[in-house]
């Protein structure tokens, strides 16, 4: 790739839509779980789905809540506290944008792999 071509592709692989707050493994699992359940999940259900301790889940939910990605609803059911976690509309939109960006990363990697495989085959044939 020449300098002019490289300049026109500046930032091509920056993937600006990959939000750091979402990209963390536990938060990725939390948001994916909540995306599958638009009505929300009880804290205990979410904890079991993502395999986190109560404390770790609380910490990650706080970060996501501060970013307006999730909402937390607290209520009493049969005189017992019940916490429901929901994906906000903004959270849903941002997460779907994140997933689109992640799909682009995969496409770019697949394209690069195909190019590498072709050039390796050509090199081996000589």
C-alpha atoms as a PDB file:
ATOM      1  CA  UNK A   1       0.000   0.000   0.000  1.00  0.00           C
ATOM      2  CA  UNK A   2       1.528   3.348  -1.017  1.00  0.00           C
ATOM      3  CA  UNK A   3       1.611   6.457   1.215  1.00  0.00           C
ATOM      4  CA  UNK A   4      -1.311   8.129  -0.581  1.00  0.00           C
ATOM      5  CA  UNK A   5      -3.501   5.048  -0.255  1.00  0.00           C
ATOM      6  CA  UNK A   6      -2.522   4.649   3.393  1.00  0.00           C
ATOM      7  CA  UNK A   7      -3.422   8.285   4.103  1.00  0.00           C
ATOM      8  CA  UNK A   8      -6.900   7.859   2.581  1.00  0.00           C
ATOM      9  CA  UNK A   9      -7.523   4.948   4.973  1.00  0.00           C
ATOM     10  CA  UNK A  10      -6.375   6.827   8.083  1.00  0.00           C
ATOM     11  CA  UNK A  11      -8.321   5.577  11.100  1.00  0.00           C
ATOM     12  CA  UNK A  12      -9.896   2.756   9.080  1.00  0.00           C
ATOM     13  CA  UNK A  13      -9.322   0.290  11.899  1.00  0.00           C
ATOM     14  CA  UNK A  14      -9.931   2.641  14.839  1.00  0.00           C
ATOM     15  CA  UNK A  15     -13.426   1.171  15.464  1.00  0.00           C
ATOM     16  CA  UNK A  16     -14.654   4.258  17.301  1.00  0.00           C
ATOM     17  CA  UNK A  17     -18.108   2.727  17.852  1.00  0.00           C
ATOM     18  CA  UNK A  18     -16.644   0.028  20.120  1.00  0.00           C
ATOM     19  CA  UNK A  19     -17.501   1.618  23.456  1.00  0.00           C
ATOM     20  CA  UNK A  20     -15.032   0.756  26.203  1.00  0.00           C
ATOM     21  CA  UNK A  21     -17.789   0.692  28.823  1.00  0.00           C
ATOM     22  CA  UNK A  22     -19.569  -2.081  26.871  1.00  0.00           C
ATOM     23  CA  UNK A  23     -16.466  -3.939  25.711  1.00  0.00           C
ATOM     24  CA  UNK A  24     -15.606  -5.301  29.172  1.00  0.00           C
ATOM     25  CA  UNK A  25     -16.436  -9.041  29.241  1.00  0.00           C
ATOM     26  CA  UNK A  26     -18.864  -9.024  32.179  1.00  0.00           C
ATOM     27  CA  UNK A  27     -20.749  -5.973  30.862  1.00  0.00           C
ATOM     28  CA  UNK A  28     -20.974  -7.549  27.432  1.00  0.00           C
ATOM     29  CA  UNK A  29     -22.655 -10.557  29.060  1.00  0.00           C
ATOM     30  CA  UNK A  30     -24.986  -8.363  31.112  1.00  0.00           C
ATOM     31  CA  UNK A  31     -26.122  -6.339  28.111  1.00  0.00           C
ATOM     32  CA  UNK A  32     -26.562  -9.424  25.958  1.00  0.00           C
ATOM     33  CA  UNK A  33     -28.690 -11.045  28.663  1.00  0.00           C
ATOM     34  CA  UNK A  34     -30.849  -7.939  29.027  1.00  0.00           C
ATOM     35  CA  UNK A  35     -31.225  -7.590  25.244  1.00  0.00           C
ATOM     36  CA  UNK A  36     -32.777 -11.065  25.143  1.00  0.00           C
ATOM     37  CA  UNK A  37     -35.300 -10.114  27.861  1.00  0.00           C
ATOM     38  CA  UNK A  38     -36.910  -6.723  27.089  1.00  0.00           C
ATOM     39  CA  UNK A  39     -39.135  -7.080  30.162  1.00  0.00           C
ATOM     40  CA  UNK A  40     -36.010  -7.195  32.312  1.00  0.00           C
ATOM     41  CA  UNK A  41     -34.423  -9.745  34.582  1.00  0.00           C
ATOM     42  CA  UNK A  42     -34.417 -10.149  38.301  1.00  0.00           C
ATOM     43  CA  UNK A  43     -31.017  -9.433  39.815  1.00  0.00           C
ATOM     44  CA  UNK A  44     -30.670 -13.083  40.855  1.00  0.00           C
ATOM     45  CA  UNK A  45     -31.560 -14.330  37.359  1.00  0.00           C
ATOM     46  CA  UNK A  46     -29.052 -11.980  35.769  1.00  0.00           C
ATOM     47  CA  UNK A  47     -26.387 -12.958  38.308  1.00  0.00           C
ATOM     48  CA  UNK A  48     -26.866 -16.633  37.452  1.00  0.00           C
ATOM     49  CA  UNK A  49     -26.845 -16.006  33.685  1.00  0.00           C
ATOM     50  CA  UNK A  50     -23.579 -14.072  33.694  1.00  0.00           C
ATOM     51  CA  UNK A  51     -21.866 -16.058  36.451  1.00  0.00           C
ATOM     52  CA  UNK A  52     -20.914 -13.129  38.667  1.00  0.00           C
ATOM     53  CA  UNK A  53     -21.041 -12.656  42.417  1.00  0.00           C
ATOM     54  CA  UNK A  54     -23.611 -10.251  43.850  1.00  0.00           C
ATOM     55  CA  UNK A  55     -20.896  -7.676  44.499  1.00  0.00           C
ATOM     56  CA  UNK A  56     -19.352  -7.879  41.024  1.00  0.00           C
ATOM     57  CA  UNK A  57     -22.735  -7.701  39.326  1.00  0.00           C
ATOM     58  CA  UNK A  58     -23.706  -4.680  41.440  1.00  0.00           C
ATOM     59  CA  UNK A  59     -20.491  -2.901  40.517  1.00  0.00           C
ATOM     60  CA  UNK A  60     -20.935  -3.516  36.786  1.00  0.00           C
ATOM     61  CA  UNK A  61     -24.609  -2.547  36.901  1.00  0.00           C
ATOM     62  CA  UNK A  62     -23.678   0.721  38.620  1.00  0.00           C
ATOM     63  CA  UNK A  63     -21.252   1.572  35.789  1.00  0.00           C
ATOM     64  CA  UNK A  64     -23.860   0.695  33.160  1.00  0.00           C
ATOM     65  CA  UNK A  65     -26.531   2.672  35.013  1.00  0.00           C
ATOM     66  CA  UNK A  66     -24.253   5.736  35.225  1.00  0.00           C
ATOM     67  CA  UNK A  67     -23.879   5.511  31.440  1.00  0.00           C
ATOM     68  CA  UNK A  68     -27.710   5.284  31.065  1.00  0.00           C
ATOM     69  CA  UNK A  69     -27.410   1.844  29.468  1.00  0.00           C
ATOM     70  CA  UNK A  70     -29.490   0.041  32.106  1.00  0.00           C
ATOM     71  CA  UNK A  71     -32.119   0.973  34.650  1.00  0.00           C
ATOM     72  CA  UNK A  72     -32.607  -0.652  38.021  1.00  0.00           C
ATOM     73  CA  UNK A  73     -36.080  -0.924  39.534  1.00  0.00           C
ATOM     74  CA  UNK A  74     -36.471  -1.806  43.190  1.00  0.00           C
ATOM     75  CA  UNK A  75     -39.747  -2.989  44.630  1.00  0.00           C
ATOM     76  CA  UNK A  76     -41.174  -5.191  47.367  1.00  0.00           C
ATOM     77  CA  UNK A  77     -42.986  -8.401  46.446  1.00  0.00           C
ATOM     78  CA  UNK A  78     -44.553 -10.339  49.305  1.00  0.00           C
ATOM     79  CA  UNK A  79     -42.653  -8.124  51.746  1.00  0.00           C
ATOM     80  CA  UNK A  80     -39.331  -9.086  50.136  1.00  0.00           C
ATOM     81  CA  UNK A  81     -37.095  -6.716  48.173  1.00  0.00           C
ATOM     82  CA  UNK A  82     -36.940  -7.408  44.462  1.00  0.00           C
ATOM     83  CA  UNK A  83     -34.523  -5.766  42.027  1.00  0.00           C
ATOM     84  CA  UNK A  84     -35.248  -5.814  38.302  1.00  0.00           C
ATOM     85  CA  UNK A  85     -32.608  -4.854  35.740  1.00  0.00           C
ATOM     86  CA  UNK A  86     -33.651  -3.478  32.357  1.00  0.00           C
ATOM     87  CA  UNK A  87     -31.906  -2.322  29.214  1.00  0.00           C
ATOM     88  CA  UNK A  88     -32.848   1.323  28.512  1.00  0.00           C
ATOM     89  CA  UNK A  89     -33.881   2.466  25.031  1.00  0.00           C
ATOM     90  CA  UNK A  90     -30.604   4.376  24.763  1.00  0.00           C
ATOM     91  CA  UNK A  91     -28.775   1.299  26.034  1.00  0.00           C
ATOM     92  CA  UNK A  92     -30.443  -0.886  23.438  1.00  0.00           C
ATOM     93  CA  UNK A  93     -29.539   1.516  20.628  1.00  0.00           C
ATOM     94  CA  UNK A  94     -25.936   1.906  21.785  1.00  0.00           C
ATOM     95  CA  UNK A  95     -25.516  -1.838  22.253  1.00  0.00           C
ATOM     96  CA  UNK A  96     -26.879  -2.579  18.774  1.00  0.00           C
ATOM     97  CA  UNK A  97     -24.465   0.027  17.330  1.00  0.00           C
ATOM     98  CA  UNK A  98     -21.674  -1.655  19.269  1.00  0.00           C
ATOM     99  CA  UNK A  99     -22.642  -5.043  17.804  1.00  0.00           C
ATOM    100  CA  UNK A 100     -22.607  -3.586  14.273  1.00  0.00           C
ATOM    101  CA  UNK A 101     -19.107  -2.256  14.875  1.00  0.00           C
ATOM    102  CA  UNK A 102     -18.036  -5.653  16.216  1.00  0.00           C
ATOM    103  CA  UNK A 103     -19.432  -7.298  13.068  1.00  0.00           C
ATOM    104  CA  UNK A 104     -17.234  -4.927  11.017  1.00  0.00           C
ATOM    105  CA  UNK A 105     -14.195  -6.024  13.016  1.00  0.00           C
ATOM    106  CA  UNK A 106     -15.023  -9.648  12.195  1.00  0.00           C
ATOM    107  CA  UNK A 107     -15.511  -8.855   8.484  1.00  0.00           C
ATOM    108  CA  UNK A 108     -12.198  -6.992   8.370  1.00  0.00           C
ATOM    109  CA  UNK A 109     -10.411  -9.868  10.072  1.00  0.00           C
ATOM    110  CA  UNK A 110     -11.982 -12.410   7.709  1.00  0.00           C
ATOM    111  CA  UNK A 111     -10.953 -10.321   4.689  1.00  0.00           C
ATOM    112  CA  UNK A 112      -7.408 -10.031   6.011  1.00  0.00           C
ATOM    113  CA  UNK A 113      -7.282 -13.771   6.671  1.00  0.00           C
ATOM    114  CA  UNK A 114      -8.420 -14.542   3.112  1.00  0.00           C
ATOM    115  CA  UNK A 115      -5.794 -12.183   1.670  1.00  0.00           C
ATOM    116  CA  UNK A 116      -3.106 -13.742   3.849  1.00  0.00           C
ATOM    117  CA  UNK A 117      -4.161 -17.256   2.854  1.00  0.00           C
ATOM    118  CA  UNK A 118      -4.095 -16.333  -0.862  1.00  0.00           C
ATOM    119  CA  UNK A 119      -0.653 -14.733  -0.632  1.00  0.00           C
ATOM    120  CA  UNK A 120       0.671 -17.716   1.343  1.00  0.00           C
ATOM    121  CA  UNK A 121      -0.698 -20.076  -1.316  1.00  0.00           C
ATOM    122  CA  UNK A 122       0.913 -18.018  -4.089  1.00  0.00           C
ATOM    123  CA  UNK A 123       4.231 -17.956  -2.209  1.00  0.00           C
ATOM    124  CA  UNK A 124       4.120 -21.746  -1.652  1.00  0.00           C
ATOM    125  CA  UNK A 125       3.351 -22.333  -5.340  1.00  0.00           C
ATOM    126  CA  UNK A 126       6.588 -20.609  -6.410  1.00  0.00           C
END
